[in-house]
Amino acid sequence: MPLGALVRLPLALARAALATLRGRLGALCWSLSPLSLPLSLPGWKRVSAPSPAAPESCRQEWDEPSPTPTSVNYHFTRQCNYKCGFCFHTAKTSFVLPLEEAKRGLEMLKEAGMEKINFSGGEPFLQDRGEFVGQLVKFCKQDLKLPSVSIVSNGSLIRECWFKKYGEYLDILAISCDSFDENVNILIGRGQGKKNHVENLHKLRQWCREYAVAFKINSVINRFNVEEDMNEQIKALNPVRWKVFQCLLIEGENTGEDALREAEKFVISDEDFEQFLDRHKDVSCLVPESNQKMRDSYLILDEYMRFLNCRNGRKEPSKSILDVGVEAAIKFSGFDENMFLKRGGKYVWSKADMKLDW
């Protein structure tokens, strides 16, 4: 073994042991808290019910029953190798939870009722060359036995060896593709030098067939692709779902003084979006999501496992579920279960139930 690896091994083991100890001590503090003992650890803070002086809306939100986290989108990293101009989850930090802490949070979500987990970013395959997300996928399917495990990726870093190792545990792979014109992809920010985003999309489609992973495409409709006709290409690729989003502005992410992107030039009107949908109405796998449909209908966890509340046009974080538990954190998520069901958030999402001809 190389000297460098020998030096790093004890450090990695120490970090893993520390992460496990932190989780157990935290759980002990919570279990003893009803005794009013003065126990606390750095980073662990209990959320208390709002005081009588708190705004009425805050007290009402606390009193309402906690929603069930049936489907959760975990953006475990903000880092990305693309620079899409409309990105609404930008690289504001480089933080990624230790693997065991992430697993602990996922287990908590399963106990709270989670049936589907979607791993996203940033770009999920940047972390440890895809090993991090691979380990999480395997854990969720093999240990937690979740009905559905999916990933959203730009696809540029996925290799066939990943499918060989982890493909059996993955239900759905969603690849972001906003245009079938490579020049438009470059304008949007998906340019990768000599690599061709569209050619890579077809390669990933073939690997999904070979390794029995349901293939999905996500497209953000914006000023640069709104006039494009994608009927022929989408039908040829034949994804199980083609999720079509209307370009969305989020304060502090892709618009505003503290944002890392300026997405205003990408924004289209509701009428423009409807015209795009009408042009593709014969695509059977089309799943349209306007800004209105997206509002409050997604449960989003950030890299610290905090639910992100987008009701006010910003991403306002709750406390981490690792610190306060799922029930307390989700009360501040802004999540609307009725909107989730109305937009079709619950569907046949386990590949075992899809009966696909791979």
Protein backbone atom coordinates (compact mmCIF):
# COMPACT_ATOMS: atom_id res chain seq x y z
CA MET A 1 0.00 0.00 0.00
CA PRO A 2 1.39 3.47 -0.86
CA LEU A 3 2.68 5.56 2.03
CA GLY A 4 0.03 8.24 1.42
CA ALA A 5 -2.75 5.70 1.74
CA LEU A 6 -1.26 4.36 5.00
CA VAL A 7 -1.27 7.88 6.41
CA ARG A 8 -4.86 8.58 5.34
CA LEU A 9 -6.32 5.28 6.60
CA PRO A 10 -6.11 6.02 10.38
CA LEU A 11 -7.54 9.49 9.75
CA ALA A 12 -10.50 8.08 7.82
CA LEU A 13 -11.17 5.50 10.54
CA ALA A 14 -10.98 8.19 13.22
CA ARG A 15 -13.46 10.38 11.33
CA ALA A 16 -15.89 7.49 10.93
CA ALA A 17 -15.65 6.63 14.63
CA LEU A 18 -16.18 10.28 15.57
CA ALA A 19 -19.26 10.53 13.34
CA THR A 20 -20.75 7.41 14.95
CA LEU A 21 -19.97 8.66 18.48
CA ARG A 22 -21.51 12.06 17.69
CA GLY A 23 -24.72 10.39 16.53
CA ARG A 24 -24.98 8.17 19.63
CA LEU A 25 -24.24 11.01 22.05
CA GLY A 26 -26.79 13.17 20.31
CA ALA A 27 -29.43 10.48 20.59
CA LEU A 28 -28.59 10.07 24.30
CA CYS A 29 -29.02 13.80 24.90
CA TRP A 30 -32.44 13.76 23.25
CA SER A 31 -33.58 10.70 25.18
CA LEU A 32 -32.63 12.33 28.49
CA SER A 33 -33.97 15.78 27.66
CA PRO A 34 -37.42 15.18 29.26
CA LEU A 35 -35.55 14.92 32.57
CA SER A 36 -34.51 18.58 32.10
CA LEU A 37 -30.86 17.66 32.40
CA PRO A 38 -28.45 20.35 31.14
CA LEU A 39 -27.04 18.15 28.36
CA SER A 40 -25.93 19.64 25.07
CA LEU A 41 -23.39 19.13 22.35
CA PRO A 42 -22.04 21.62 19.82
CA GLY A 43 -24.44 21.74 16.91
CA TRP A 44 -27.35 20.11 18.79
CA LYS A 45 -30.19 22.50 19.60
CA ARG A 46 -33.74 21.52 20.42
CA VAL A 47 -36.54 23.37 18.68
CA SER A 48 -39.09 24.60 21.18
CA ALA A 49 -42.70 25.39 20.45
CA PRO A 50 -43.23 29.06 19.53
CA SER A 51 -43.89 31.35 22.46
CA PRO A 52 -47.28 33.04 22.96
CA ALA A 53 -45.68 36.23 21.64
CA ALA A 54 -44.75 34.58 18.32
CA PRO A 55 -46.73 35.54 15.19
CA GLU A 56 -50.06 33.75 14.77
CA SER A 57 -48.91 32.12 11.51
CA CYS A 58 -45.90 30.61 13.26
CA ARG A 59 -48.01 29.19 16.10
CA GLN A 60 -50.56 27.77 13.67
CA GLU A 61 -47.80 26.08 11.66
CA TRP A 62 -46.44 24.44 14.82
CA ASP A 63 -49.87 23.22 15.93
CA GLU A 64 -50.65 21.59 12.58
CA PRO A 65 -49.88 17.86 12.19
CA SER A 66 -46.49 17.16 10.65
CA PRO A 67 -46.65 16.08 6.99
CA THR A 68 -45.29 12.68 6.05
CA PRO A 69 -41.97 12.80 4.12
CA THR A 70 -43.20 10.31 1.51
CA SER A 71 -40.83 11.58 -1.19
CA VAL A 72 -37.65 13.47 -0.31
CA ASN A 73 -35.07 15.23 -2.50
CA TYR A 74 -31.68 15.19 -0.78
CA HIS A 75 -29.25 17.72 -2.30
CA PHE A 76 -26.23 16.37 -0.43
CA THR A 77 -23.74 18.53 -2.31
CA ARG A 78 -23.83 21.97 -3.94
CA GLN A 79 -20.66 21.44 -5.97
CA CYS A 80 -21.04 20.98 -9.73
CA ASN A 81 -18.85 20.73 -12.83
CA TYR A 82 -21.44 22.59 -14.95
CA LYS A 83 -22.43 26.25 -14.70
CA CYS A 84 -26.06 26.31 -15.77
CA GLY A 85 -27.20 29.92 -15.74
CA PHE A 86 -30.59 29.18 -14.17
CA CYS A 87 -29.36 26.79 -11.44
CA PHE A 88 -31.44 27.23 -8.29
CA HIS A 89 -29.18 25.23 -5.92
CA THR A 90 -25.77 26.81 -6.40
CA ALA A 91 -22.34 26.08 -4.94
CA LYS A 92 -22.58 28.31 -1.86
CA THR A 93 -20.72 25.72 0.27
CA SER A 94 -18.49 22.72 -0.36
CA PHE A 95 -19.83 20.86 2.68
CA VAL A 96 -20.85 17.21 2.45
CA LEU A 97 -21.97 15.21 5.47
CA PRO A 98 -19.85 12.22 6.54
CA LEU A 99 -21.31 9.07 5.02
CA GLU A 100 -22.45 7.58 8.34
CA GLU A 101 -24.21 10.78 9.34
CA ALA A 102 -26.02 10.88 6.01
CA LYS A 103 -27.09 7.27 6.51
CA ARG A 104 -28.35 8.09 10.01
CA GLY A 105 -30.51 10.88 8.60
CA LEU A 106 -31.88 8.65 5.86
CA GLU A 107 -32.81 6.02 8.44
CA MET A 108 -34.66 8.69 10.43
CA LEU A 109 -36.58 9.69 7.30
CA LYS A 110 -37.50 6.06 6.60
CA GLU A 111 -38.85 5.72 10.15
CA ALA A 112 -40.91 8.90 9.57
CA GLY A 113 -42.57 7.41 6.47
CA MET A 114 -40.23 8.06 3.53
CA GLU A 115 -40.90 5.78 0.54
CA LYS A 116 -38.82 7.50 -2.13
CA ILE A 117 -35.45 9.21 -1.95
CA ASN A 118 -33.98 11.25 -4.78
CA PHE A 119 -30.29 12.18 -4.61
CA SER A 120 -29.35 15.43 -6.29
CA GLY A 121 -26.94 18.32 -6.10
CA GLY A 122 -24.96 20.10 -7.39
CA GLU A 123 -23.69 17.09 -9.25
CA PRO A 124 -24.03 13.87 -7.17
CA PHE A 125 -21.25 12.03 -9.02
CA LEU A 126 -18.59 14.60 -8.11
CA GLN A 127 -18.23 13.34 -4.55
CA ASP A 128 -15.67 10.52 -4.39
CA ARG A 129 -16.16 9.84 -8.11
CA GLY A 130 -19.67 8.56 -7.53
CA GLU A 131 -18.79 6.26 -4.62
CA PHE A 132 -20.55 8.44 -2.06
CA VAL A 133 -23.90 8.44 -3.89
CA GLY A 134 -23.39 4.78 -4.77
CA GLN A 135 -23.04 3.85 -1.10
CA LEU A 136 -26.16 5.86 -0.24
CA VAL A 137 -28.15 4.23 -3.06
CA LYS A 138 -27.13 0.76 -1.90
CA PHE A 139 -27.93 1.56 1.73
CA CYS A 140 -31.39 2.92 0.91
CA LYS A 141 -32.35 -0.06 -1.24
CA GLN A 142 -30.59 -2.91 0.55
CA ASP A 143 -30.77 -1.86 4.20
CA LEU A 144 -33.72 0.54 4.35
CA LYS A 145 -35.59 -1.37 1.61
CA LEU A 146 -37.09 1.81 0.16
CA PRO A 147 -39.52 1.21 -2.73
CA SER A 148 -37.81 3.85 -4.85
CA VAL A 149 -34.26 5.22 -5.04
CA SER A 150 -33.39 7.74 -7.75
CA ILE A 151 -30.65 10.15 -8.81
CA VAL A 152 -30.71 13.39 -10.81
CA SER A 153 -27.41 14.02 -12.59
CA ASN A 154 -26.02 15.91 -15.56
CA GLY A 155 -24.54 12.56 -16.59
CA SER A 156 -21.08 13.83 -17.50
CA LEU A 157 -19.21 11.89 -14.80
CA ILE A 158 -21.07 8.57 -14.81
CA ARG A 159 -19.06 5.56 -15.94
CA GLU A 160 -20.22 2.05 -16.84
CA CYS A 161 -18.34 0.59 -13.87
CA TRP A 162 -20.72 2.51 -11.59
CA PHE A 163 -23.71 0.71 -13.12
CA LYS A 164 -21.94 -2.64 -12.68
CA LYS A 165 -21.43 -1.94 -8.97
CA TYR A 166 -24.61 -0.07 -8.00
CA GLY A 167 -27.11 -0.33 -10.86
CA GLU A 168 -29.15 -3.10 -9.23
CA TYR A 169 -29.97 -0.79 -6.29
CA LEU A 170 -31.10 2.19 -8.40
CA ASP A 171 -34.69 2.50 -9.61
CA ILE A 172 -34.50 5.68 -11.69
CA LEU A 173 -31.67 7.71 -13.19
CA ALA A 174 -32.77 11.17 -14.32
CA ILE A 175 -30.42 13.01 -16.67
CA SER A 176 -30.73 16.76 -17.13
CA CYS A 177 -30.91 17.71 -20.80
CA ASP A 178 -32.32 21.08 -21.79
CA SER A 179 -31.61 20.97 -25.51
CA PHE A 180 -30.65 18.61 -28.32
CA ASP A 181 -28.64 21.40 -29.93
CA GLU A 182 -25.14 21.35 -28.47
CA ASN A 183 -24.71 25.08 -29.11
CA VAL A 184 -27.75 25.80 -26.95
CA ASN A 185 -26.37 23.56 -24.19
CA ILE A 186 -23.18 25.60 -24.25
CA LEU A 187 -25.18 28.85 -24.01
CA ILE A 188 -27.06 27.47 -21.01
CA GLY A 189 -23.85 26.39 -19.25
CA ARG A 190 -23.71 22.66 -19.94
CA GLY A 191 -20.64 22.88 -22.16
CA GLN A 192 -17.81 20.49 -21.28
CA GLY A 193 -15.12 21.27 -23.78
CA LYS A 194 -14.76 18.43 -26.29
CA LYS A 195 -17.48 16.35 -24.61
CA ASN A 196 -20.90 16.34 -26.25
CA HIS A 197 -23.79 16.43 -23.79
CA VAL A 198 -26.29 14.92 -26.24
CA GLU A 199 -24.00 12.07 -27.31
CA ASN A 200 -23.38 11.24 -23.68
CA LEU A 201 -27.14 11.19 -23.06
CA HIS A 202 -27.58 8.39 -25.61
CA LYS A 203 -24.72 6.41 -24.06
CA LEU A 204 -26.33 6.66 -20.63
CA ARG A 205 -29.66 5.58 -22.11
CA GLN A 206 -28.05 2.39 -23.38
CA TRP A 207 -26.41 1.65 -20.04
CA CYS A 208 -29.75 2.05 -18.29
CA ARG A 209 -31.19 -0.60 -20.62
CA GLU A 210 -28.29 -2.96 -20.03
CA TYR A 211 -28.34 -2.63 -16.24
CA ALA A 212 -32.13 -2.43 -15.74
CA VAL A 213 -32.36 1.16 -14.48
CA ALA A 214 -35.41 3.24 -15.44
CA PHE A 215 -34.29 6.20 -17.55
CA LYS A 216 -35.75 9.67 -17.08
CA ILE A 217 -35.02 13.08 -18.62
CA ASN A 218 -35.35 16.46 -16.88
CA SER A 219 -35.53 19.64 -18.96
CA VAL A 220 -35.70 23.25 -17.79
CA ILE A 221 -37.56 25.34 -20.35
CA ASN A 222 -36.02 28.78 -20.67
CA ARG A 223 -35.45 31.61 -23.09
CA PHE A 224 -32.81 29.68 -25.07
CA ASN A 225 -34.79 26.47 -25.73
CA VAL A 226 -38.44 27.51 -25.55
CA GLU A 227 -38.81 27.47 -29.35
CA GLU A 228 -37.17 24.06 -29.78
CA ASP A 229 -39.07 21.01 -31.05
CA MET A 230 -37.88 17.99 -29.06
CA ASN A 231 -40.57 15.52 -30.11
CA GLU A 232 -38.43 13.29 -32.29
CA GLN A 233 -35.47 13.06 -29.91
CA ILE A 234 -37.54 12.37 -26.80
CA LYS A 235 -39.58 9.66 -28.52
CA ALA A 236 -36.38 8.01 -29.75
CA LEU A 237 -34.87 7.98 -26.25
CA ASN A 238 -38.17 6.73 -24.79
CA PRO A 239 -37.69 7.72 -21.12
CA VAL A 240 -40.18 6.53 -18.50
CA ARG A 241 -40.79 10.21 -17.67
CA TRP A 242 -39.82 13.47 -19.30
CA LYS A 243 -40.06 16.07 -16.54
CA VAL A 244 -40.40 19.54 -18.06
CA PHE A 245 -39.85 22.45 -15.65
CA GLN A 246 -40.54 26.12 -16.15
CA CYS A 247 -37.45 28.20 -15.36
CA LEU A 248 -37.78 29.34 -11.73
CA LEU A 249 -36.21 32.26 -9.85
CA ILE A 250 -35.07 31.69 -6.25
CA GLU A 251 -33.82 34.69 -4.28
CA GLY A 252 -30.27 34.22 -3.08
CA GLU A 253 -29.58 31.35 -5.49
CA ASN A 254 -30.12 32.54 -9.07
CA THR A 255 -31.39 36.06 -8.48
CA GLY A 256 -30.68 38.87 -6.01
CA GLU A 257 -27.59 40.54 -4.57
CA ASP A 258 -26.17 37.47 -2.81
CA ALA A 259 -26.90 35.04 -5.66
CA LEU A 260 -24.22 33.14 -7.59
CA ARG A 261 -26.30 33.18 -10.80
CA GLU A 262 -28.28 35.79 -12.70
CA ALA A 263 -31.15 33.81 -14.16
CA GLU A 264 -33.38 36.70 -15.16
CA LYS A 265 -32.37 36.40 -18.81
CA PHE A 266 -33.54 32.76 -18.84
CA VAL A 267 -37.06 33.41 -17.52
CA ILE A 268 -40.08 32.75 -19.77
CA SER A 269 -43.73 33.66 -19.34
CA ASP A 270 -46.49 31.25 -18.43
CA GLU A 271 -47.80 31.63 -21.97
CA ASP A 272 -44.40 30.71 -23.45
CA PHE A 273 -44.30 27.62 -21.26
CA GLU A 274 -47.80 26.56 -22.28
CA GLN A 275 -46.90 26.92 -25.94
CA PHE A 276 -43.90 24.63 -25.46
CA LEU A 277 -46.11 22.06 -23.73
CA ASP A 278 -48.69 22.26 -26.50
CA ARG A 279 -46.01 21.61 -29.10
CA HIS A 280 -45.09 18.39 -27.25
CA LYS A 281 -48.53 17.25 -26.15
CA ASP A 282 -48.23 13.99 -28.11
CA VAL A 283 -45.23 12.82 -26.07
CA SER A 284 -46.83 10.26 -23.75
CA CYS A 285 -44.14 10.46 -21.05
CA LEU A 286 -44.36 14.27 -20.72
CA VAL A 287 -44.75 15.49 -17.12
CA PRO A 288 -45.12 19.29 -17.10
CA GLU A 289 -44.27 21.32 -14.00
CA SER A 290 -45.03 25.01 -14.08
CA ASN A 291 -43.80 27.35 -11.35
CA GLN A 292 -47.24 27.11 -9.78
CA LYS A 293 -47.16 23.30 -9.67
CA MET A 294 -43.71 23.27 -8.11
CA ARG A 295 -44.65 25.69 -5.36
CA ASP A 296 -44.54 24.04 -1.91
CA SER A 297 -44.90 20.57 -3.45
CA TYR A 298 -41.32 19.33 -2.99
CA LEU A 299 -39.55 18.27 0.17
CA ILE A 300 -35.96 19.44 -0.24
CA LEU A 301 -33.11 18.60 2.11
CA ASP A 302 -29.89 20.57 1.80
CA GLU A 303 -26.34 19.41 2.47
CA TYR A 304 -26.86 19.77 6.25
CA MET A 305 -30.11 17.78 6.08
CA ARG A 306 -32.21 20.88 6.66
CA PHE A 307 -35.59 21.19 4.96
CA LEU A 308 -35.71 24.20 2.65
CA ASN A 309 -38.83 26.37 2.79
CA CYS A 310 -39.37 28.18 -0.54
CA ARG A 311 -42.72 29.81 0.25
CA ASN A 312 -41.27 33.32 0.27
CA GLY A 313 -39.24 32.89 -2.92
CA ARG A 314 -36.09 32.05 -0.97
CA LYS A 315 -34.68 28.83 0.47
CA GLU A 316 -35.14 29.30 4.20
CA PRO A 317 -33.66 26.34 6.13
CA SER A 318 -35.19 24.53 9.06
CA LYS A 319 -33.05 23.01 11.79
CA SER A 320 -31.27 19.85 10.68
CA ILE A 321 -33.19 16.61 11.13
CA LEU A 322 -29.99 15.25 12.68
CA ASP A 323 -30.32 17.82 15.45
CA VAL A 324 -34.05 18.04 16.12
CA GLY A 325 -35.62 15.03 14.39
CA VAL A 326 -37.78 14.80 11.29
CA GLU A 327 -41.08 15.77 12.92
CA ALA A 328 -39.79 19.04 14.33
CA ALA A 329 -37.80 20.04 11.24
CA ILE A 330 -40.51 19.26 8.71
CA LYS A 331 -42.95 21.64 10.40
CA PHE A 332 -40.90 24.50 8.96
CA SER A 333 -40.46 23.01 5.49
CA GLY A 334 -43.41 24.80 3.88
CA PHE A 335 -44.36 21.47 2.33
CA ASP A 336 -47.96 21.09 1.15
CA GLU A 337 -48.97 17.42 0.86
CA ASN A 338 -52.06 18.30 -1.16
CA MET A 339 -49.96 20.18 -3.73
CA PHE A 340 -47.57 17.23 -3.84
CA LEU A 341 -50.40 14.85 -4.72
CA LYS A 342 -52.05 17.35 -7.08
CA ARG A 343 -48.93 17.67 -9.23
CA GLY A 344 -48.67 13.86 -9.46
CA GLY A 345 -45.80 13.50 -7.02
CA LYS A 346 -46.89 9.95 -6.19
CA TYR A 347 -46.57 7.60 -9.15
CA VAL A 348 -45.23 4.13 -10.04
CA TRP A 349 -41.67 4.79 -8.94
CA SER A 350 -40.25 1.35 -8.20
CA LYS A 351 -38.65 -0.31 -11.22
CA ALA A 352 -39.98 -3.65 -9.98
CA ASP A 353 -43.51 -2.35 -10.63
CA MET A 354 -42.84 -0.67 -13.97
CA LYS A 355 -42.70 -3.90 -16.03
CA LEU A 356 -40.37 -2.26 -18.49
CA ASP A 357 -38.83 -3.93 -21.50
CA TRP A 358 -35.21 -3.21 -20.68
